[in-house]
Amino acid sequence: MERELKELFESAKKAADAAAADGGAAEEDRCVDALKALKKFPVNYQILVSTQVGKRLRQLTKHPRKKIQSLAAELVEIWKNIIVEETLKNKKNGSSETKESIKSEHGANTSDKKVQRVNSIKVEKPSHSGTSSSSEKKVSAVKVEKRDSNKEENKQTNKTATNSVAPPKLTSLVSCKDPVRDKIRELLAEALCKVHGEIEDELRDEANAADPYRVAVSVESAMFEKWGRSNGAQKLKYRSVMFNIKDAKNPDFRRKVLLGHVKPQRILELTPEEMASTERQMENGKIKEKALFDCERGLPPKATTDEFKCGRCGKRKCTYYQLQTRSADEPMTTFVTCVNCDNHWKFC
């Protein structure tokens, strides 16, 4: 039965790939027929887990053909409901077995306090009408509590079932029928695939779990949504992002993009200096410091003196320097600055 399910899915997958490649209507009809056969195929939790067909079927929910996409999404939803129903049934069967074992044991200690409380209330024999009514109220209250707890358990199992079905890794790029956009996705995926050979052993597991094709598609989609086409007005921004991701001397930024440390929307807000590698950022800092030092050194030397008195504040703490602003036979011009009030004046 598992082999038949795999063969049926493989035929649907091959037809879907052929329909996406050359766009033939015959291949699309073949894939639709195979998906309808899968829809009628009797499956259960064990078969779906052992074959892992459900995870691979998620790839077809993003197929460019609408018929294949809708049928695949409908089939994924049906199989998901089957998994959830069977897990709930197994839980209920397990809980009923534990209740029967508790009833058979007399005087045994159990971890479920609510079950003990129900059993003790059922064993008691009321002697008066007042006590019987109060015991009935207690029993109804306990039943309501148990129903609420069952509802919470069902919600938790539904959440875990939906979270456990993670999107599978893409084996190839998702085409958008635009040769320019597809070329950008191809270049991004090619650059992101290099990360596996550049990272250290500590990040090996995290990198293996990442999907370079899916990340490349999400980055290109984010750029297209915000900046439009790559050959438009924002082509320089496209080039900046592409250059930093493909740069052989910038493996840090490429690794951050693949592992999700830098989200696709965040990439669009980064400057070229922020996308540069750590070494390059340190070099840029040193260059700026050196340029600032050279600028300050190029200024005329200043000296502090108390020979000049500021006409504004009356203080004698001043700095000054001299420049030859006129011909050589003329005296130098002295420029004075008050340290206290920043007043400036000059004289010859």
C-alpha atoms as a PDB file:
ATOM      1  CA  MET A   1       0.000   0.000   0.000  1.00  0.00           C
ATOM      2  CA  GLU A   2       2.881   2.360   0.793  1.00  0.00           C
ATOM      3  CA  ARG A   3       4.565   1.475  -2.508  1.00  0.00           C
ATOM      4  CA  GLU A   4       1.373   2.229  -4.452  1.00  0.00           C
ATOM      5  CA  LEU A   5       1.038   5.587  -2.701  1.00  0.00           C
ATOM      6  CA  LYS A   6       4.655   6.510  -3.493  1.00  0.00           C
ATOM      7  CA  GLU A   7       4.314   5.488  -7.160  1.00  0.00           C
ATOM      8  CA  LEU A   8       1.114   7.505  -7.520  1.00  0.00           C
ATOM      9  CA  PHE A   9       2.738  10.564  -5.963  1.00  0.00           C
ATOM     10  CA  GLU A  10       5.873  10.217  -8.120  1.00  0.00           C
ATOM     11  CA  SER A  11       3.746  10.199 -11.256  1.00  0.00           C
ATOM     12  CA  ALA A  12       1.951  13.354 -10.067  1.00  0.00           C
ATOM     13  CA  LYS A  13       5.284  15.013  -9.237  1.00  0.00           C
ATOM     14  CA  LYS A  14       6.813  14.226 -12.639  1.00  0.00           C
ATOM     15  CA  ALA A  15       3.753  15.537 -14.443  1.00  0.00           C
ATOM     16  CA  ALA A  16       3.796  18.726 -12.331  1.00  0.00           C
ATOM     17  CA  ASP A  17       7.481  19.339 -13.085  1.00  0.00           C
ATOM     18  CA  ALA A  18       6.876  18.828 -16.797  1.00  0.00           C
ATOM     19  CA  ALA A  19       3.888  21.194 -16.726  1.00  0.00           C
ATOM     20  CA  ALA A  20       5.972  23.860 -14.980  1.00  0.00           C
ATOM     21  CA  ALA A  21       8.877  23.470 -17.410  1.00  0.00           C
ATOM     22  CA  ASP A  22       7.220  23.588 -20.824  1.00  0.00           C
ATOM     23  CA  GLY A  23       3.676  24.532 -19.824  1.00  0.00           C
ATOM     24  CA  GLY A  24       1.973  21.650 -21.647  1.00  0.00           C
ATOM     25  CA  ALA A  25      -1.741  21.176 -21.048  1.00  0.00           C
ATOM     26  CA  ALA A  26      -1.445  17.386 -21.343  1.00  0.00           C
ATOM     27  CA  GLU A  27       1.070  17.232 -18.487  1.00  0.00           C
ATOM     28  CA  GLU A  28      -1.181  19.421 -16.384  1.00  0.00           C
ATOM     29  CA  ASP A  29      -4.142  17.076 -16.973  1.00  0.00           C
ATOM     30  CA  ARG A  30      -1.970  14.093 -16.054  1.00  0.00           C
ATOM     31  CA  CYS A  31      -0.957  15.762 -12.800  1.00  0.00           C
ATOM     32  CA  VAL A  32      -4.581  16.697 -11.987  1.00  0.00           C
ATOM     33  CA  ASP A  33      -5.731  13.099 -12.588  1.00  0.00           C
ATOM     34  CA  ALA A  34      -2.964  11.757 -10.362  1.00  0.00           C
ATOM     35  CA  LEU A  35      -3.876  14.204  -7.580  1.00  0.00           C
ATOM     36  CA  LYS A  36      -7.537  13.194  -7.810  1.00  0.00           C
ATOM     37  CA  ALA A  37      -6.466   9.557  -7.501  1.00  0.00           C
ATOM     38  CA  LEU A  38      -4.404  10.471  -4.437  1.00  0.00           C
ATOM     39  CA  LYS A  39      -7.465  12.178  -3.003  1.00  0.00           C
ATOM     40  CA  LYS A  40      -9.452   8.923  -3.278  1.00  0.00           C
ATOM     41  CA  PHE A  41      -6.551   6.769  -2.035  1.00  0.00           C
ATOM     42  CA  PRO A  42      -7.171   5.363   1.497  1.00  0.00           C
ATOM     43  CA  VAL A  43      -4.446   6.675   3.804  1.00  0.00           C
ATOM     44  CA  ASN A  44      -3.867   6.724   7.542  1.00  0.00           C
ATOM     45  CA  TYR A  45      -1.439   8.238  10.017  1.00  0.00           C
ATOM     46  CA  GLN A  46       1.144   5.427   9.815  1.00  0.00           C
ATOM     47  CA  ILE A  47       1.316   5.467   5.996  1.00  0.00           C
ATOM     48  CA  LEU A  48       1.686   9.248   5.849  1.00  0.00           C
ATOM     49  CA  VAL A  49       4.461   9.214   8.461  1.00  0.00           C
ATOM     50  CA  SER A  50       6.387   6.323   6.913  1.00  0.00           C
ATOM     51  CA  THR A  51       6.228   7.601   3.320  1.00  0.00           C
ATOM     52  CA  GLN A  52       6.641  11.357   4.119  1.00  0.00           C
ATOM     53  CA  VAL A  53       4.462  12.071   1.077  1.00  0.00           C
ATOM     54  CA  GLY A  54       2.632  14.898   2.851  1.00  0.00           C
ATOM     55  CA  LYS A  55       5.782  16.979   3.254  1.00  0.00           C
ATOM     56  CA  ARG A  56       6.739  16.547  -0.400  1.00  0.00           C
ATOM     57  CA  LEU A  57       3.189  17.363  -1.519  1.00  0.00           C
ATOM     58  CA  ARG A  58       3.545  20.860  -0.011  1.00  0.00           C
ATOM     59  CA  GLN A  59       5.867  21.780  -2.886  1.00  0.00           C
ATOM     60  CA  LEU A  60       2.944  21.514  -5.310  1.00  0.00           C
ATOM     61  CA  THR A  61       0.912  24.076  -3.325  1.00  0.00           C
ATOM     62  CA  LYS A  62       3.241  26.732  -4.827  1.00  0.00           C
ATOM     63  CA  HIS A  63       3.021  25.422  -8.393  1.00  0.00           C
ATOM     64  CA  PRO A  64       2.527  28.091 -11.099  1.00  0.00           C
ATOM     65  CA  ARG A  65      -0.541  26.262 -12.461  1.00  0.00           C
ATOM     66  CA  LYS A  66      -3.681  27.170 -10.488  1.00  0.00           C
ATOM     67  CA  LYS A  67      -5.413  23.790 -10.871  1.00  0.00           C
ATOM     68  CA  ILE A  68      -2.444  21.860  -9.539  1.00  0.00           C
ATOM     69  CA  GLN A  69      -1.960  24.412  -6.784  1.00  0.00           C
ATOM     70  CA  SER A  70      -5.573  24.271  -5.545  1.00  0.00           C
ATOM     71  CA  LEU A  71      -5.825  20.470  -5.699  1.00  0.00           C
ATOM     72  CA  ALA A  72      -2.536  20.040  -3.844  1.00  0.00           C
ATOM     73  CA  ALA A  73      -3.618  22.486  -1.137  1.00  0.00           C
ATOM     74  CA  GLU A  74      -6.940  20.688  -0.737  1.00  0.00           C
ATOM     75  CA  LEU A  75      -5.214  17.308  -0.502  1.00  0.00           C
ATOM     76  CA  VAL A  76      -2.717  18.602   2.100  1.00  0.00           C
ATOM     77  CA  GLU A  77      -5.624  19.890   4.195  1.00  0.00           C
ATOM     78  CA  ILE A  78      -7.421  16.510   4.004  1.00  0.00           C
ATOM     79  CA  TRP A  79      -4.319  14.584   5.068  1.00  0.00           C
ATOM     80  CA  LYS A  80      -3.656  17.037   7.877  1.00  0.00           C
ATOM     81  CA  ASN A  81      -7.176  16.493   9.237  1.00  0.00           C
ATOM     82  CA  ILE A  82      -6.643  12.728   9.088  1.00  0.00           C
ATOM     83  CA  ILE A  83      -3.477  13.056  11.177  1.00  0.00           C
ATOM     84  CA  VAL A  84      -5.198  15.288  13.733  1.00  0.00           C
ATOM     85  CA  GLU A  85      -8.245  12.995  14.056  1.00  0.00           C
ATOM     86  CA  GLU A  86      -6.138   9.872  14.558  1.00  0.00           C
ATOM     87  CA  THR A  87      -3.942  11.517  17.173  1.00  0.00           C
ATOM     88  CA  LEU A  88      -7.046  12.666  19.066  1.00  0.00           C
ATOM     89  CA  LYS A  89      -8.527   9.157  18.895  1.00  0.00           C
ATOM     90  CA  ASN A  90      -5.322   7.644  20.236  1.00  0.00           C
ATOM     91  CA  LYS A  91      -5.312  10.118  23.101  1.00  0.00           C
ATOM     92  CA  LYS A  92      -8.946   9.365  23.972  1.00  0.00           C
ATOM     93  CA  ASN A  93      -8.332   5.611  23.873  1.00  0.00           C
ATOM     94  CA  GLY A  94      -5.318   5.997  26.140  1.00  0.00           C
ATOM     95  CA  SER A  95      -7.275   8.096  28.639  1.00  0.00           C
ATOM     96  CA  SER A  96     -10.203   5.602  28.713  1.00  0.00           C
ATOM     97  CA  GLU A  97      -7.808   2.725  29.420  1.00  0.00           C
ATOM     98  CA  THR A  98      -6.287   4.599  32.333  1.00  0.00           C
ATOM     99  CA  LYS A  99      -9.770   5.307  33.757  1.00  0.00           C
ATOM    100  CA  GLU A 100     -10.675   1.606  33.669  1.00  0.00           C
ATOM    101  CA  SER A 101      -7.434   0.662  35.411  1.00  0.00           C
ATOM    102  CA  ILE A 102      -8.124   3.249  38.102  1.00  0.00           C
ATOM    103  CA  LYS A 103     -11.636   1.876  38.709  1.00  0.00           C
ATOM    104  CA  SER A 104     -10.338  -1.705  39.027  1.00  0.00           C
ATOM    105  CA  GLU A 105      -7.768  -0.776  41.648  1.00  0.00           C
ATOM    106  CA  HIS A 106      -9.168  -0.228  45.152  1.00  0.00           C
ATOM    107  CA  GLY A 107      -7.352   2.217  47.374  1.00  0.00           C
ATOM    108  CA  ALA A 108      -4.442   2.761  44.917  1.00  0.00           C
ATOM    109  CA  ASN A 109      -2.814   6.200  44.740  1.00  0.00           C
ATOM    110  CA  THR A 110      -2.999   7.918  41.329  1.00  0.00           C
ATOM    111  CA  SER A 111      -1.542  11.128  39.936  1.00  0.00           C
ATOM    112  CA  ASP A 112      -4.884  12.348  38.542  1.00  0.00           C
ATOM    113  CA  LYS A 113      -6.631  14.121  41.424  1.00  0.00           C
ATOM    114  CA  LYS A 114      -9.781  14.864  39.416  1.00  0.00           C
ATOM    115  CA  VAL A 115     -10.360  11.145  38.709  1.00  0.00           C
ATOM    116  CA  GLN A 116      -9.967  10.370  42.418  1.00  0.00           C
ATOM    117  CA  ARG A 117     -12.477  13.045  43.267  1.00  0.00           C
ATOM    118  CA  VAL A 118     -15.064  11.636  40.826  1.00  0.00           C
ATOM    119  CA  ASN A 119     -14.584   8.089  42.113  1.00  0.00           C
ATOM    120  CA  SER A 120     -14.901   9.144  45.726  1.00  0.00           C
ATOM    121  CA  ILE A 121     -18.109  11.032  44.983  1.00  0.00           C
ATOM    122  CA  LYS A 122     -19.599   8.035  43.162  1.00  0.00           C
ATOM    123  CA  VAL A 123     -18.803   5.632  46.004  1.00  0.00           C
ATOM    124  CA  GLU A 124     -20.433   7.775  48.682  1.00  0.00           C
ATOM    125  CA  LYS A 125     -24.009   6.841  49.549  1.00  0.00           C
ATOM    126  CA  PRO A 126     -26.084   9.849  50.566  1.00  0.00           C
ATOM    127  CA  SER A 127     -28.094   9.480  53.759  1.00  0.00           C
ATOM    128  CA  HIS A 128     -30.186  12.664  53.440  1.00  0.00           C
ATOM    129  CA  SER A 129     -31.715  14.527  50.554  1.00  0.00           C
ATOM    130  CA  GLY A 130     -29.614  17.644  51.253  1.00  0.00           C
ATOM    131  CA  THR A 131     -26.349  15.774  51.072  1.00  0.00           C
ATOM    132  CA  SER A 132     -27.393  13.991  47.878  1.00  0.00           C
ATOM    133  CA  SER A 133     -28.139  17.269  46.115  1.00  0.00           C
ATOM    134  CA  SER A 134     -24.784  18.717  47.175  1.00  0.00           C
ATOM    135  CA  SER A 135     -22.939  15.612  45.960  1.00  0.00           C
ATOM    136  CA  GLU A 136     -24.740  15.844  42.607  1.00  0.00           C
ATOM    137  CA  LYS A 137     -23.607  19.480  42.279  1.00  0.00           C
ATOM    138  CA  LYS A 138     -20.024  18.431  42.998  1.00  0.00           C
ATOM    139  CA  VAL A 139     -20.214  15.671  40.351  1.00  0.00           C
ATOM    140  CA  SER A 140     -21.546  18.110  37.728  1.00  0.00           C
ATOM    141  CA  ALA A 141     -18.834  20.648  38.592  1.00  0.00           C
ATOM    142  CA  VAL A 142     -16.128  18.011  38.220  1.00  0.00           C
ATOM    143  CA  LYS A 143     -17.578  16.918  34.863  1.00  0.00           C
ATOM    144  CA  VAL A 144     -17.509  20.502  33.605  1.00  0.00           C
ATOM    145  CA  GLU A 145     -13.885  20.824  34.702  1.00  0.00           C
ATOM    146  CA  LYS A 146     -12.990  17.624  32.871  1.00  0.00           C
ATOM    147  CA  ARG A 147     -14.691  18.830  29.702  1.00  0.00           C
ATOM    148  CA  ASP A 148     -12.741  22.091  29.835  1.00  0.00           C
ATOM    149  CA  SER A 149      -9.486  20.221  30.328  1.00  0.00           C
ATOM    150  CA  ASN A 150     -10.304  17.963  27.351  1.00  0.00           C
ATOM    151  CA  LYS A 151     -10.952  21.034  25.196  1.00  0.00           C
ATOM    152  CA  GLU A 152      -7.579  22.505  26.179  1.00  0.00           C
ATOM    153  CA  GLU A 153      -5.841  19.207  25.370  1.00  0.00           C
ATOM    154  CA  ASN A 154      -7.526  19.115  21.950  1.00  0.00           C
ATOM    155  CA  LYS A 155      -6.369  22.666  21.219  1.00  0.00           C
ATOM    156  CA  GLN A 156      -2.798  21.802  22.222  1.00  0.00           C
ATOM    157  CA  THR A 157      -2.755  18.678  20.030  1.00  0.00           C
ATOM    158  CA  ASN A 158      -4.081  20.670  17.081  1.00  0.00           C
ATOM    159  CA  LYS A 159      -1.331  23.272  17.558  1.00  0.00           C
ATOM    160  CA  THR A 160       1.411  20.657  17.791  1.00  0.00           C
ATOM    161  CA  ALA A 161       0.063  18.835  14.733  1.00  0.00           C
ATOM    162  CA  THR A 162       0.049  21.991  12.637  1.00  0.00           C
ATOM    163  CA  ASN A 163       3.494  23.101  13.863  1.00  0.00           C
ATOM    164  CA  SER A 164       5.074  19.693  13.256  1.00  0.00           C
ATOM    165  CA  VAL A 165       4.293  19.870   9.528  1.00  0.00           C
ATOM    166  CA  ALA A 166       7.165  22.174   8.546  1.00  0.00           C
ATOM    167  CA  PRO A 167       7.633  23.344   4.960  1.00  0.00           C
ATOM    168  CA  PRO A 168      10.042  21.014   3.137  1.00  0.00           C
ATOM    169  CA  LYS A 169      13.273  22.195   1.569  1.00  0.00           C
ATOM    170  CA  LEU A 170      13.063  23.166  -2.085  1.00  0.00           C
ATOM    171  CA  THR A 171      15.049  21.049  -4.506  1.00  0.00           C
ATOM    172  CA  SER A 172      14.978  23.701  -7.224  1.00  0.00           C
ATOM    173  CA  LEU A 173      14.123  27.359  -7.700  1.00  0.00           C
ATOM    174  CA  VAL A 174      10.525  28.505  -8.027  1.00  0.00           C
ATOM    175  CA  SER A 175      10.145  30.166 -11.426  1.00  0.00           C
ATOM    176  CA  CYS A 176       8.052  33.319 -11.834  1.00  0.00           C
ATOM    177  CA  LYS A 177       7.948  33.268 -15.658  1.00  0.00           C
ATOM    178  CA  ASP A 178      10.092  36.422 -15.807  1.00  0.00           C
ATOM    179  CA  PRO A 179      13.608  35.762 -17.208  1.00  0.00           C
ATOM    180  CA  VAL A 180      15.126  38.813 -15.482  1.00  0.00           C
ATOM    181  CA  ARG A 181      13.731  37.934 -12.061  1.00  0.00           C
ATOM    182  CA  ASP A 182      14.549  34.247 -12.519  1.00  0.00           C
ATOM    183  CA  LYS A 183      18.178  35.147 -13.317  1.00  0.00           C
ATOM    184  CA  ILE A 184      18.443  37.169 -10.083  1.00  0.00           C
ATOM    185  CA  ARG A 185      17.008  34.268  -8.085  1.00  0.00           C
ATOM    186  CA  GLU A 186      19.483  31.911  -9.725  1.00  0.00           C
ATOM    187  CA  LEU A 187      22.455  34.139  -8.850  1.00  0.00           C
ATOM    188  CA  LEU A 188      21.283  34.551  -5.256  1.00  0.00           C
ATOM    189  CA  ALA A 189      20.762  30.805  -4.816  1.00  0.00           C
ATOM    190  CA  GLU A 190      24.180  30.063  -6.314  1.00  0.00           C
ATOM    191  CA  ALA A 191      25.820  32.456  -3.849  1.00  0.00           C
ATOM    192  CA  LEU A 192      23.870  31.147  -0.831  1.00  0.00           C
ATOM    193  CA  CYS A 193      24.749  27.535  -1.666  1.00  0.00           C
ATOM    194  CA  LYS A 194      28.436  28.426  -1.101  1.00  0.00           C
ATOM    195  CA  VAL A 195      27.785  29.001   2.609  1.00  0.00           C
ATOM    196  CA  HIS A 196      27.940  25.256   3.365  1.00  0.00           C
ATOM    197  CA  GLY A 197      31.615  25.202   2.385  1.00  0.00           C
ATOM    198  CA  GLU A 198      32.495  28.446   4.198  1.00  0.00           C
ATOM    199  CA  ILE A 199      31.048  27.997   7.684  1.00  0.00           C
ATOM    200  CA  GLU A 200      32.613  26.382  10.735  1.00  0.00           C
ATOM    201  CA  ASP A 201      31.552  23.052  12.231  1.00  0.00           C
ATOM    202  CA  GLU A 202      29.634  24.784  15.018  1.00  0.00           C
ATOM    203  CA  LEU A 203      27.096  26.213  12.543  1.00  0.00           C
ATOM    204  CA  ARG A 204      27.000  23.154  10.280  1.00  0.00           C
ATOM    205  CA  ASP A 205      23.663  21.827  11.580  1.00  0.00           C
ATOM    206  CA  GLU A 206      21.996  25.225  11.387  1.00  0.00           C
ATOM    207  CA  ALA A 207      23.217  25.713   7.820  1.00  0.00           C
ATOM    208  CA  ASN A 208      22.028  22.260   6.749  1.00  0.00           C
ATOM    209  CA  ALA A 209      18.554  23.081   8.078  1.00  0.00           C
ATOM    210  CA  ALA A 210      18.427  26.312   6.044  1.00  0.00           C
ATOM    211  CA  ASP A 211      16.971  26.348   2.530  1.00  0.00           C
ATOM    212  CA  PRO A 212      19.067  28.466   0.106  1.00  0.00           C
ATOM    213  CA  TYR A 213      16.466  28.267  -2.686  1.00  0.00           C
ATOM    214  CA  ARG A 214      13.636  29.462  -0.455  1.00  0.00           C
ATOM    215  CA  VAL A 215      15.795  32.283   0.968  1.00  0.00           C
ATOM    216  CA  ALA A 216      16.827  33.376  -2.543  1.00  0.00           C
ATOM    217  CA  VAL A 217      13.188  33.528  -3.652  1.00  0.00           C
ATOM    218  CA  SER A 218      12.135  35.498  -0.555  1.00  0.00           C
ATOM    219  CA  VAL A 219      14.992  38.027  -0.945  1.00  0.00           C
ATOM    220  CA  GLU A 220      14.239  38.589  -4.648  1.00  0.00           C
ATOM    221  CA  SER A 221      10.496  38.895  -3.958  1.00  0.00           C
ATOM    222  CA  ALA A 222      11.132  41.478  -1.226  1.00  0.00           C
ATOM    223  CA  MET A 223      13.357  43.534  -3.536  1.00  0.00           C
ATOM    224  CA  PHE A 224      10.823  43.355  -6.376  1.00  0.00           C
ATOM    225  CA  GLU A 225       7.926  44.411  -4.117  1.00  0.00           C
ATOM    226  CA  LYS A 226       9.771  47.458  -2.785  1.00  0.00           C
ATOM    227  CA  TRP A 227      12.016  48.543  -5.671  1.00  0.00           C
ATOM    228  CA  GLY A 228      10.258  47.208  -8.749  1.00  0.00           C
ATOM    229  CA  ARG A 229      12.213  45.744 -11.639  1.00  0.00           C
ATOM    230  CA  SER A 230      15.982  45.423 -11.435  1.00  0.00           C
ATOM    231  CA  ASN A 231      16.543  47.426 -14.630  1.00  0.00           C
ATOM    232  CA  GLY A 232      14.473  50.359 -13.405  1.00  0.00           C
ATOM    233  CA  ALA A 233      15.260  53.397 -11.282  1.00  0.00           C
ATOM    234  CA  GLN A 234      16.502  51.307  -8.332  1.00  0.00           C
ATOM    235  CA  LYS A 235      19.020  49.171 -10.236  1.00  0.00           C
ATOM    236  CA  LEU A 236      21.937  50.554  -8.181  1.00  0.00           C
ATOM    237  CA  LYS A 237      20.338  49.227  -4.995  1.00  0.00           C
ATOM    238  CA  TYR A 238      19.892  45.850  -6.672  1.00  0.00           C
ATOM    239  CA  ARG A 239      23.569  45.855  -7.617  1.00  0.00           C
ATOM    240  CA  SER A 240      24.636  46.739  -4.091  1.00  0.00           C
ATOM    241  CA  VAL A 241      22.709  43.846  -2.528  1.00  0.00           C
ATOM    242  CA  MET A 242      23.759  41.366  -5.205  1.00  0.00           C
ATOM    243  CA  PHE A 243      27.416  42.384  -4.992  1.00  0.00           C
ATOM    244  CA  ASN A 244      27.585  42.007  -1.200  1.00  0.00           C
ATOM    245  CA  ILE A 245      25.853  38.611  -1.226  1.00  0.00           C
ATOM    246  CA  LYS A 246      28.065  37.287  -4.057  1.00  0.00           C
ATOM    247  CA  ASP A 247      31.314  38.909  -2.846  1.00  0.00           C
ATOM    248  CA  ALA A 248      33.919  36.227  -2.133  1.00  0.00           C
ATOM    249  CA  LYS A 249      35.488  38.477   0.513  1.00  0.00           C
ATOM    250  CA  ASN A 250      32.183  38.916   2.364  1.00  0.00           C
ATOM    251  CA  PRO A 251      31.142  35.463   3.662  1.00  0.00           C
ATOM    252  CA  ASP A 252      29.757  36.968   6.901  1.00  0.00           C
ATOM    253  CA  PHE A 253      26.862  38.756   5.227  1.00  0.00           C
ATOM    254  CA  ARG A 254      26.095  35.750   3.016  1.00  0.00           C
ATOM    255  CA  ARG A 255      25.945  33.492   6.090  1.00  0.00           C
ATOM    256  CA  LYS A 256      23.684  35.905   7.990  1.00  0.00           C
ATOM    257  CA  VAL A 257      21.225  36.025   5.087  1.00  0.00           C
ATOM    258  CA  LEU A 258      21.040  32.232   4.734  1.00  0.00           C
ATOM    259  CA  LEU A 259      20.654  31.510   8.456  1.00  0.00           C
ATOM    260  CA  GLY A 260      17.966  34.165   8.851  1.00  0.00           C
ATOM    261  CA  HIS A 261      19.975  36.469  11.110  1.00  0.00           C
ATOM    262  CA  VAL A 262      19.227  39.236   8.604  1.00  0.00           C
ATOM    263  CA  LYS A 263      15.641  39.111   7.316  1.00  0.00           C
ATOM    264  CA  PRO A 264      14.846  39.918   3.648  1.00  0.00           C
ATOM    265  CA  GLN A 265      12.976  43.098   4.620  1.00  0.00           C
ATOM    266  CA  ARG A 266      15.932  44.214   6.746  1.00  0.00           C
ATOM    267  CA  ILE A 267      18.360  43.749   3.818  1.00  0.00           C
ATOM    268  CA  LEU A 268      16.555  46.472   1.893  1.00  0.00           C
ATOM    269  CA  GLU A 269      17.260  48.993   4.677  1.00  0.00           C
ATOM    270  CA  LEU A 270      20.990  48.291   5.054  1.00  0.00           C
ATOM    271  CA  THR A 271      23.621  50.636   3.684  1.00  0.00           C
ATOM    272  CA  PRO A 272      26.648  49.297   1.763  1.00  0.00           C
ATOM    273  CA  GLU A 273      28.813  49.979   4.839  1.00  0.00           C
ATOM    274  CA  GLU A 274      26.487  47.880   7.026  1.00  0.00           C
ATOM    275  CA  MET A 275      26.466  45.001   4.514  1.00  0.00           C
ATOM    276  CA  ALA A 276      30.268  44.900   4.377  1.00  0.00           C
ATOM    277  CA  SER A 277      32.200  42.188   6.209  1.00  0.00           C
ATOM    278  CA  THR A 278      33.565  42.683   9.711  1.00  0.00           C
ATOM    279  CA  GLU A 279      37.116  43.069   8.434  1.00  0.00           C
ATOM    280  CA  ARG A 280      36.038  45.617   5.857  1.00  0.00           C
ATOM    281  CA  GLN A 281      34.121  47.608   8.473  1.00  0.00           C
ATOM    282  CA  MET A 282      37.238  47.699  10.672  1.00  0.00           C
ATOM    283  CA  GLU A 283      39.336  48.863   7.712  1.00  0.00           C
ATOM    284  CA  ASN A 284      36.805  51.587   6.907  1.00  0.00           C
ATOM    285  CA  GLY A 285      36.928  52.754  10.516  1.00  0.00           C
ATOM    286  CA  LYS A 286      40.708  52.994  10.408  1.00  0.00           C
ATOM    287  CA  ILE A 287      40.564  54.913   7.126  1.00  0.00           C
ATOM    288  CA  LYS A 288      38.107  57.417   8.602  1.00  0.00           C
ATOM    289  CA  GLU A 289      40.249  57.880  11.705  1.00  0.00           C
ATOM    290  CA  LYS A 290      43.350  58.425   9.595  1.00  0.00           C
ATOM    291  CA  ALA A 291      41.541  60.906   7.335  1.00  0.00           C
ATOM    292  CA  LEU A 292      40.252  62.817  10.348  1.00  0.00           C
ATOM    293  CA  PHE A 293      43.748  62.893  11.847  1.00  0.00           C
ATOM    294  CA  ASP A 294      45.225  64.136   8.572  1.00  0.00           C
ATOM    295  CA  CYS A 295      42.605  66.867   8.341  1.00  0.00           C
ATOM    296  CA  GLU A 296      43.324  68.107  11.819  1.00  0.00           C
ATOM    297  CA  ARG A 297      47.071  67.940  11.224  1.00  0.00           C
ATOM    298  CA  GLY A 298      46.696  70.005   8.054  1.00  0.00           C
ATOM    299  CA  LEU A 299      45.299  72.990   9.944  1.00  0.00           C
ATOM    300  CA  PRO A 300      47.671  75.736  11.019  1.00  0.00           C
ATOM    301  CA  PRO A 301      49.131  75.142  14.504  1.00  0.00           C
ATOM    302  CA  LYS A 302      47.370  76.890  17.363  1.00  0.00           C
ATOM    303  CA  ALA A 303      48.914  78.285  20.539  1.00  0.00           C
ATOM    304  CA  THR A 304      47.333  79.351  23.828  1.00  0.00           C
ATOM    305  CA  THR A 305      48.234  82.674  25.381  1.00  0.00           C
ATOM    306  CA  ASP A 306      46.999  85.289  27.842  1.00  0.00           C
ATOM    307  CA  GLU A 307      48.410  88.267  25.922  1.00  0.00           C
ATOM    308  CA  PHE A 308      45.096  88.968  24.187  1.00  0.00           C
ATOM    309  CA  LYS A 309      41.923  90.113  25.887  1.00  0.00           C
ATOM    310  CA  CYS A 310      38.529  89.197  24.513  1.00  0.00           C
ATOM    311  CA  GLY A 311      36.375  92.219  23.775  1.00  0.00           C
ATOM    312  CA  ARG A 312      33.180  90.296  24.445  1.00  0.00           C
ATOM    313  CA  CYS A 313      33.735  88.506  27.768  1.00  0.00           C
ATOM    314  CA  GLY A 314      36.944  90.203  28.958  1.00  0.00           C
ATOM    315  CA  LYS A 315      38.797  86.909  29.535  1.00  0.00           C
ATOM    316  CA  ARG A 316      42.442  86.381  28.600  1.00  0.00           C
ATOM    317  CA  LYS A 317      42.264  82.707  27.677  1.00  0.00           C
ATOM    318  CA  CYS A 318      42.757  82.714  23.917  1.00  0.00           C
ATOM    319  CA  THR A 319      44.241  80.631  21.136  1.00  0.00           C
ATOM    320  CA  TYR A 320      45.815  82.108  18.044  1.00  0.00           C
ATOM    321  CA  TYR A 321      47.655  81.325  14.839  1.00  0.00           C
ATOM    322  CA  GLN A 322      49.299  83.408  12.140  1.00  0.00           C
ATOM    323  CA  LEU A 323      49.071  83.261   8.358  1.00  0.00           C
ATOM    324  CA  GLN A 324      50.702  85.237   5.560  1.00  0.00           C
ATOM    325  CA  THR A 325      47.530  86.523   3.879  1.00  0.00           C
ATOM    326  CA  ARG A 326      49.179  89.424   2.029  1.00  0.00           C
ATOM    327  CA  SER A 327      52.423  89.912   0.157  1.00  0.00           C
ATOM    328  CA  ALA A 328      55.703  88.708   1.597  1.00  0.00           C
ATOM    329  CA  ASP A 329      56.904  92.154   2.668  1.00  0.00           C
ATOM    330  CA  GLU A 330      53.721  92.686   4.717  1.00  0.00           C
ATOM    331  CA  PRO A 331      53.384  91.440   8.315  1.00  0.00           C
ATOM    332  CA  MET A 332      51.501  88.207   9.052  1.00  0.00           C
ATOM    333  CA  THR A 333      47.831  88.258  10.044  1.00  0.00           C
ATOM    334  CA  THR A 334      47.051  86.945  13.541  1.00  0.00           C
ATOM    335  CA  PHE A 335      43.774  85.062  14.082  1.00  0.00           C
ATOM    336  CA  VAL A 336      42.595  84.930  17.708  1.00  0.00           C
ATOM    337  CA  THR A 337      39.810  82.794  19.251  1.00  0.00           C
ATOM    338  CA  CYS A 338      38.477  83.182  22.782  1.00  0.00           C
ATOM    339  CA  VAL A 339      38.346  79.857  24.632  1.00  0.00           C
ATOM    340  CA  ASN A 340      35.556  81.083  26.931  1.00  0.00           C
ATOM    341  CA  CYS A 341      32.954  82.560  24.504  1.00  0.00           C
ATOM    342  CA  ASP A 342      34.333  81.392  21.115  1.00  0.00           C
ATOM    343  CA  ASN A 343      34.707  84.970  19.888  1.00  0.00           C
ATOM    344  CA  HIS A 344      36.889  85.390  16.775  1.00  0.00           C
ATOM    345  CA  TRP A 345      38.915  88.408  15.632  1.00  0.00           C
ATOM    346  CA  LYS A 346      42.071  89.114  13.665  1.00  0.00           C
ATOM    347  CA  PHE A 347      44.678  91.840  13.395  1.00  0.00           C
ATOM    348  CA  CYS A 348      47.916  92.542  11.544  1.00  0.00           C
END
